[in-house]
Protein backbone atom coordinates (compact mmCIF):
# COMPACT_ATOMS: atom_id res chain seq x y z
CA UNK A 1 0.00 0.00 0.00
CA UNK A 2 1.22 3.50 -0.82
CA UNK A 3 2.33 5.35 2.26
CA UNK A 4 4.51 8.45 2.64
CA UNK A 5 6.58 8.50 5.83
CA UNK A 6 8.08 11.78 7.03
CA UNK A 7 9.82 11.50 10.41
CA UNK A 8 7.22 9.82 12.65
CA UNK A 9 4.18 10.77 10.55
CA UNK A 10 2.46 8.62 7.92
CA UNK A 11 0.21 9.69 5.04
CA UNK A 12 -1.61 7.41 2.63
CA UNK A 13 -4.99 8.54 1.33
CA UNK A 14 -5.97 11.73 -0.46
CA UNK A 15 -7.80 12.67 2.72
CA UNK A 16 -4.55 12.37 4.71
CA UNK A 17 -2.75 14.75 2.37
CA UNK A 18 -5.69 17.15 2.14
CA UNK A 19 -6.30 17.48 5.87
CA UNK A 20 -2.67 17.56 6.97
CA UNK A 21 -1.36 20.81 8.42
CA UNK A 22 1.97 22.23 7.19
CA UNK A 23 4.82 20.04 8.42
CA UNK A 24 7.18 22.93 9.12
CA UNK A 25 9.68 21.80 6.49
CA UNK A 26 9.56 23.41 3.00
CA UNK A 27 10.70 20.25 1.22
CA UNK A 28 8.22 18.04 3.06
CA UNK A 29 5.41 20.52 2.43
CA UNK A 30 6.25 20.60 -1.29
CA UNK A 31 6.26 16.79 -1.41
CA UNK A 32 2.90 16.75 0.35
CA UNK A 33 1.47 19.24 -2.15
CA UNK A 34 2.69 17.15 -5.08
CA UNK A 35 1.25 13.91 -3.69
CA UNK A 36 -2.03 15.67 -3.02
CA UNK A 37 -2.15 16.95 -6.60
CA UNK A 38 -1.29 13.51 -8.00
CA UNK A 39 -3.84 11.67 -5.90
CA UNK A 40 -6.43 14.28 -6.91
CA UNK A 41 -5.86 13.32 -10.54
CA UNK A 42 -3.99 16.41 -11.74
CA UNK A 43 -2.97 15.91 -15.37
CA UNK A 44 -0.13 18.40 -15.96
CA UNK A 45 2.88 19.61 -13.98
CA UNK A 46 5.27 22.47 -14.72
CA UNK A 47 8.98 21.68 -14.78
CA UNK A 48 12.21 23.30 -15.96
CA UNK A 49 14.40 21.33 -18.37
CA UNK A 50 17.99 20.45 -17.49
CA UNK A 51 19.57 21.88 -20.65
CA UNK A 52 20.44 18.51 -22.25
CA UNK A 53 18.62 19.48 -25.43
CA UNK A 54 19.35 23.20 -25.42
CA UNK A 55 18.80 26.18 -23.13
CA UNK A 56 16.82 25.37 -19.94
CA UNK A 57 13.15 26.21 -20.38
CA UNK A 58 9.85 25.66 -18.65
CA UNK A 59 7.75 22.79 -20.01
CA UNK A 60 4.60 20.92 -19.09
CA UNK A 61 4.87 17.24 -18.24
CA UNK A 62 1.67 15.23 -18.18
CA UNK A 63 0.49 12.36 -16.05
CA UNK A 64 0.71 9.81 -18.86
CA UNK A 65 4.45 10.47 -19.28
CA UNK A 66 5.15 10.14 -15.57
CA UNK A 67 3.15 6.93 -15.28
CA UNK A 68 5.05 5.48 -18.25
CA UNK A 69 8.39 6.37 -16.63
CA UNK A 70 7.41 4.75 -13.33
CA UNK A 71 6.17 1.63 -15.11
CA UNK A 72 9.42 1.29 -17.11
CA UNK A 73 11.65 1.68 -14.04
CA UNK A 74 9.51 -0.79 -12.12
CA UNK A 75 9.84 -3.34 -14.91
CA UNK A 76 13.62 -2.82 -15.14
CA UNK A 77 14.21 -3.43 -11.43
CA UNK A 78 11.30 -5.76 -10.73
CA UNK A 79 9.74 -3.43 -8.14
CA UNK A 80 6.17 -3.86 -6.86
CA UNK A 81 3.90 -3.15 -3.87
CA UNK A 82 6.29 -5.06 -1.58
CA UNK A 83 9.15 -2.65 -2.32
CA UNK A 84 10.29 0.15 -0.02
CA UNK A 85 11.55 3.41 -1.54
CA UNK A 86 13.44 6.39 -0.17
CA UNK A 87 13.17 9.92 -1.58
CA UNK A 88 16.07 12.15 -0.52
CA UNK A 89 15.98 14.48 -3.55
CA UNK A 90 14.05 17.75 -3.77
CA UNK A 91 10.52 17.33 -5.18
CA UNK A 92 10.93 20.60 -7.08
CA UNK A 93 13.05 18.63 -9.54
CA UNK A 94 11.93 15.77 -11.76
CA UNK A 95 14.13 13.19 -9.99
CA UNK A 96 12.46 13.92 -6.65
CA UNK A 97 8.97 14.01 -8.11
CA UNK A 98 9.47 10.67 -9.83
CA UNK A 99 10.45 8.88 -6.62
CA UNK A 100 7.09 9.95 -5.22
CA UNK A 101 5.26 8.95 -8.42
CA UNK A 102 6.90 5.52 -8.36
CA UNK A 103 5.66 4.91 -4.84
CA UNK A 104 2.13 5.98 -5.74
CA UNK A 105 2.09 4.00 -8.99
CA UNK A 106 3.69 0.88 -7.51
CA UNK A 107 1.40 1.25 -4.49
CA UNK A 108 4.31 0.91 -2.09
CA UNK A 109 5.70 2.91 0.87
CA UNK A 110 8.27 5.69 0.50
CA UNK A 111 10.40 7.34 3.18
CA UNK A 112 10.86 11.09 2.67
CA UNK A 113 14.15 12.57 3.86
CA UNK A 114 14.77 16.26 3.02
CA UNK A 115 17.88 16.59 0.82
CA UNK A 116 21.19 16.74 2.65
CA UNK A 117 24.75 15.67 1.92
CA UNK A 118 24.35 12.54 4.08
CA UNK A 119 20.67 11.53 3.99
CA UNK A 120 21.27 7.92 5.06
CA UNK A 121 22.42 9.14 8.47
CA UNK A 122 18.74 9.92 9.15
CA UNK A 123 17.49 6.52 7.98
CA UNK A 124 16.44 3.97 10.59
CA UNK A 125 18.44 0.72 10.55
CA UNK A 126 15.27 -1.34 10.23
CA UNK A 127 13.95 0.68 7.27
CA UNK A 128 16.54 0.04 4.54
CA UNK A 129 14.96 0.80 1.13
CA UNK A 130 14.95 -1.43 -1.92
CA UNK A 131 15.47 1.60 -4.18
CA UNK A 132 16.97 5.02 -3.54
CA UNK A 133 18.02 7.80 -5.93
CA UNK A 134 21.01 9.95 -4.96
CA UNK A 135 23.45 12.46 -6.44
CA UNK A 136 27.25 11.92 -6.38
CA UNK A 137 27.78 14.28 -3.42
CA UNK A 138 25.37 12.24 -1.30
CA UNK A 139 27.10 9.02 -2.34
CA UNK A 140 30.50 10.47 -1.45
CA UNK A 141 29.37 11.58 2.03
CA UNK A 142 27.66 8.25 2.66
CA UNK A 143 30.88 6.40 1.81
CA UNK A 144 32.81 8.53 4.30
CA UNK A 145 30.37 7.94 7.17
CA UNK A 146 30.79 4.35 8.47
CA UNK A 147 27.18 4.19 9.71
CA UNK A 148 25.76 5.49 6.41
CA UNK A 149 28.06 3.17 4.46
CA UNK A 150 26.67 0.11 6.26
CA UNK A 151 23.15 1.20 5.29
CA UNK A 152 24.14 1.97 1.70
CA UNK A 153 25.59 -1.52 1.30
CA UNK A 154 22.24 -3.01 2.31
CA UNK A 155 20.17 -1.04 -0.25
CA UNK A 156 19.12 -3.37 -3.07
CA UNK A 157 19.40 -0.82 -5.88
CA UNK A 158 20.96 2.67 -5.87
CA UNK A 159 20.42 4.95 -8.85
CA UNK A 160 22.78 7.90 -9.22
CA UNK A 161 22.11 10.98 -11.35
CA UNK A 162 22.63 14.71 -11.56
CA UNK A 163 26.27 14.51 -12.63
CA UNK A 164 28.75 11.91 -13.89
CA UNK A 165 30.54 9.82 -11.26
CA UNK A 166 34.20 10.58 -10.67
CA UNK A 167 36.70 7.75 -11.14
CA UNK A 168 37.59 7.55 -7.40
CA UNK A 169 33.90 7.47 -6.44
CA UNK A 170 33.20 4.73 -8.96
CA UNK A 171 36.11 2.72 -7.55
CA UNK A 172 34.77 3.10 -4.01
CA UNK A 173 31.35 1.82 -5.05
CA UNK A 174 32.92 -1.22 -6.70
CA UNK A 175 35.21 -1.85 -3.72
CA UNK A 176 32.25 -1.80 -1.33
CA UNK A 177 30.17 -4.01 -3.65
CA UNK A 178 27.31 -1.51 -3.75
CA UNK A 179 24.59 -2.30 -6.29
CA UNK A 180 24.48 1.01 -8.10
CA UNK A 181 23.50 2.39 -11.51
CA UNK A 182 24.42 5.64 -13.22
CA UNK A 183 21.33 7.14 -14.83
CA UNK A 184 20.92 8.84 -18.21
CA UNK A 185 17.93 11.04 -18.79
CA UNK A 186 16.51 14.53 -18.90
CA UNK A 187 13.40 16.41 -17.89
CA UNK A 188 11.91 16.01 -21.38
CA UNK A 189 12.00 12.22 -21.00
CA UNK A 190 10.68 12.43 -17.42
CA UNK A 191 13.77 11.30 -15.53
CA UNK A 192 16.04 8.49 -16.79
CA UNK A 193 15.53 6.44 -19.94
CA UNK A 194 18.68 4.33 -19.52
CA UNK A 195 20.80 2.91 -16.70
CA UNK A 196 24.44 1.77 -16.56
CA UNK A 197 25.51 -0.74 -13.92
CA UNK A 198 28.53 0.52 -11.98
CA UNK A 199 31.34 -1.96 -12.48
CA UNK A 200 34.86 -2.25 -13.83
CA UNK A 201 35.32 -1.02 -17.38
CA UNK A 202 33.32 1.49 -19.41
CA UNK A 203 29.77 2.38 -18.44
CA UNK A 204 27.32 0.78 -20.85
CA UNK A 205 23.82 2.26 -20.70
CA UNK A 206 20.87 -0.13 -21.10
CA UNK A 207 17.60 1.48 -22.14
CA UNK A 208 14.40 0.97 -20.20
CA UNK A 209 11.62 -1.12 -21.79
CA UNK A 210 9.98 0.41 -24.91
CA UNK A 211 12.68 3.07 -25.33
CA UNK A 212 14.00 3.57 -28.88
CA UNK A 213 17.37 5.26 -29.51
CA UNK A 214 19.43 6.39 -32.48
CA UNK A 215 21.88 9.11 -33.53
CA UNK A 216 21.82 12.03 -35.95
CA UNK A 217 24.60 13.02 -38.37
CA UNK A 218 26.61 14.45 -35.44
CA UNK A 219 26.37 11.06 -33.68
CA UNK A 220 24.24 12.82 -31.07
CA UNK A 221 21.65 10.65 -29.36
CA UNK A 222 17.93 10.86 -30.03
CA UNK A 223 15.32 9.18 -27.83
CA UNK A 224 11.77 8.08 -28.55
CA UNK A 225 9.69 6.53 -25.77
CA UNK A 226 6.31 6.44 -24.04
CA UNK A 227 7.84 8.90 -21.57
CA UNK A 228 8.12 11.44 -24.40
CA UNK A 229 4.68 10.48 -25.73
CA UNK A 230 6.30 8.87 -28.77
CA UNK A 231 7.99 12.14 -29.74
CA UNK A 232 11.62 11.98 -30.85
CA UNK A 233 13.78 14.00 -28.45
CA UNK A 234 17.09 15.11 -29.95
CA UNK A 235 19.93 15.60 -27.46
CA UNK A 236 23.36 17.19 -27.74
CA UNK A 237 25.05 14.11 -26.24
CA UNK A 238 27.48 12.28 -28.50
CA UNK A 239 27.22 8.51 -27.97
CA UNK A 240 28.54 5.26 -29.39
CA UNK A 241 25.70 2.84 -30.07
CA UNK A 242 26.18 -0.79 -29.11
CA UNK A 243 22.96 -2.64 -29.84
CA UNK A 244 19.47 -1.27 -30.37
CA UNK A 245 19.20 -0.94 -26.61
CA UNK A 246 22.63 0.11 -25.37
CA UNK A 247 25.11 2.95 -25.78
CA UNK A 248 28.23 4.58 -24.36
CA UNK A 249 28.23 8.28 -23.55
CA UNK A 250 31.11 10.18 -25.20
CA UNK A 251 30.48 13.88 -24.51
CA UNK A 252 28.56 16.96 -25.54
CA UNK A 253 28.48 18.25 -29.12
CA UNK A 254 28.90 21.81 -27.85
CA UNK A 255 32.17 20.87 -26.08
CA UNK A 256 33.93 19.26 -29.07
CA UNK A 257 37.46 20.51 -29.79
CA UNK A 258 38.63 20.31 -33.42
CA UNK A 259 42.42 20.11 -33.30
CA UNK A 260 44.08 19.66 -36.67
CA UNK A 261 40.96 17.98 -38.05
CA UNK A 262 40.69 15.53 -35.14
CA UNK A 263 37.54 15.91 -33.06
CA UNK A 264 38.26 15.59 -29.35
CA UNK A 265 35.67 15.19 -26.60
CA UNK A 266 37.06 16.88 -23.46
CA UNK A 267 34.63 15.19 -21.07
CA UNK A 268 35.66 11.76 -22.32
CA UNK A 269 39.36 12.55 -21.90
CA UNK A 270 38.76 14.08 -18.45
CA UNK A 271 37.56 10.73 -17.15
CA UNK A 272 40.84 9.16 -18.33
CA UNK A 273 43.09 11.69 -16.62
CA UNK A 274 41.15 12.31 -13.41
CA UNK A 275 43.24 10.08 -11.16
CA UNK A 276 46.48 11.55 -12.51
CA UNK A 277 45.32 15.13 -12.00
CA UNK A 278 44.11 14.40 -8.46
CA UNK A 279 47.45 12.78 -7.59
CA UNK A 280 49.28 16.01 -8.48
CA UNK A 281 46.61 18.52 -7.43
CA UNK A 282 44.49 16.93 -4.66
CA UNK A 283 40.91 18.24 -4.31
CA UNK A 284 41.36 20.67 -7.21
CA UNK A 285 38.64 20.94 -9.83
CA UNK A 286 39.71 20.86 -13.46
CA UNK A 287 38.46 20.67 -17.04
CA UNK A 288 39.81 20.48 -20.58
CA UNK A 289 39.13 23.21 -23.11
CA UNK A 290 40.00 24.12 -26.68
CA UNK A 291 41.70 27.47 -27.30
CA UNK A 292 42.67 29.08 -30.63
CA UNK A 293 45.92 27.84 -32.17
CA UNK A 294 47.51 29.16 -35.39
CA UNK A 295 48.71 25.72 -36.49
CA UNK A 296 45.90 23.35 -35.48
CA UNK A 297 42.94 25.75 -35.33
CA UNK A 298 42.35 24.71 -31.73
CA UNK A 299 44.55 23.07 -29.15
CA UNK A 300 43.50 21.19 -26.05
CA UNK A 301 44.58 22.68 -22.70
CA UNK A 302 44.03 21.72 -19.06
CA UNK A 303 42.52 24.26 -16.68
CA UNK A 304 43.06 23.70 -12.94
CA UNK A 305 41.36 25.58 -10.11
CA UNK A 306 44.17 26.65 -7.80
CA UNK A 307 45.23 29.88 -6.12
CA UNK A 308 48.87 28.87 -6.60
CA UNK A 309 50.46 28.34 -10.02
CA UNK A 310 52.65 25.30 -9.46
CA UNK A 311 54.39 25.09 -12.83
CA UNK A 312 56.79 22.34 -11.73
CA UNK A 313 53.95 20.06 -10.67
CA UNK A 314 52.07 20.93 -13.87
CA UNK A 315 55.04 19.82 -15.97
CA UNK A 316 55.26 16.55 -14.05
CA UNK A 317 51.56 16.00 -14.72
CA UNK A 318 51.89 16.72 -18.45
CA UNK A 319 54.78 14.26 -18.63
CA UNK A 320 52.64 11.59 -16.97
CA UNK A 321 49.73 12.26 -19.32
CA UNK A 322 51.91 11.57 -22.36
CA UNK A 323 52.18 8.00 -21.07
CA UNK A 324 48.44 7.66 -20.44
CA UNK A 325 47.00 9.17 -23.61
CA UNK A 326 47.44 9.07 -27.38
CA UNK A 327 49.44 12.12 -28.58
CA UNK A 328 46.40 13.90 -30.04
CA UNK A 329 44.50 13.65 -26.72
CA UNK A 330 47.28 15.08 -24.55
CA UNK A 331 46.70 18.66 -23.35
CA UNK A 332 49.34 20.97 -24.73
CA UNK A 333 49.50 23.28 -21.70
CA UNK A 334 48.21 23.81 -18.17
CA UNK A 335 46.53 27.02 -17.02
CA UNK A 336 45.55 27.97 -13.49
CA UNK A 337 42.50 29.92 -12.32
CA UNK A 338 42.05 30.80 -8.66
CA UNK A 339 38.25 30.34 -8.78
CA UNK A 340 36.07 28.72 -11.44
CA UNK A 341 32.88 30.44 -12.48
CA UNK A 342 29.76 28.26 -12.47
CA UNK A 343 26.49 28.00 -14.37
CA UNK A 344 23.13 28.58 -12.72
CA UNK A 345 22.82 24.84 -12.07
CA UNK A 346 26.16 24.71 -10.24
CA UNK A 347 28.24 23.13 -13.01
CA UNK A 348 31.62 24.45 -14.15
CA UNK A 349 31.21 27.14 -16.80
CA UNK A 350 33.42 25.81 -19.60
CA UNK A 351 33.02 29.04 -21.55
CA UNK A 352 34.84 31.10 -18.95
CA UNK A 353 37.83 33.07 -20.22
CA UNK A 354 41.30 31.87 -19.25
CA UNK A 355 44.62 33.72 -19.06
CA UNK A 356 46.69 33.31 -22.23
């Protein structure tokens, strides 16, 4: 039976959600309002897109799409009314809303924990969920807290979205034998349409049931599914198709660097060099970028967030990268910025200017 648990309070029927007084927590009150609207039969919900298909914009998502998404995820994981879910993401975003929809559609209980960096610390030992959705920061904090780690290891399925996993974080998940999946999706497809099991080797995304995929002439992924009402959604994500139902993510079309006629995908290369960069510049953020070059048109350079310009360490790093990468993928220089600028969604602004 569907039941929303917040702290020591339980809500199940439309009457429960309608008659309940404000809970004194903005996130909980927003979750209550959404469940009330859903149980009342509301057909459309406003949501802002993530920017995967262009500039973020406000769109309407309807009930049919959300039901289709919940049904596909349930079929993928084999979830039903016996399952226990945990929602620790904000219901203002599609990922948080969909955890609530899944509980209502699967007719199963869900524990609501307002978003925090370590949500599992608030979870009772006897209430370990079968499915939880988290972002990388929450995973990282849970791995560092021994009590949260024990709980995380008992969760049957963990789905991780919001940002790509770092190499060290992926290694920690594997080391601790945590059953986790990286998600691929966007607001337009109502949360994820594909999942990649976290394991050794490259991440291979498997599509959910009834999801069709393909690529355009840029090798950028398009998606057609019940979650998009059968409409083809064109993304800016370059992928390598495996079968009709699997793909590898390569990078964004808008981040491609054309160096001497060779197209480089900085995000793909960043995953290869992450451990090396961290070993020379611990805890420093970084990214690869193309800058104008008279010979090659563009050249690939490494930008590191650091108040100190450690040129000696940078040269050691570049030397190491020549052993890790093909010549055309090696950054040709290292630049330092004391503070990175960020986009409105908190991601590194790759279009920021750098000192030449």
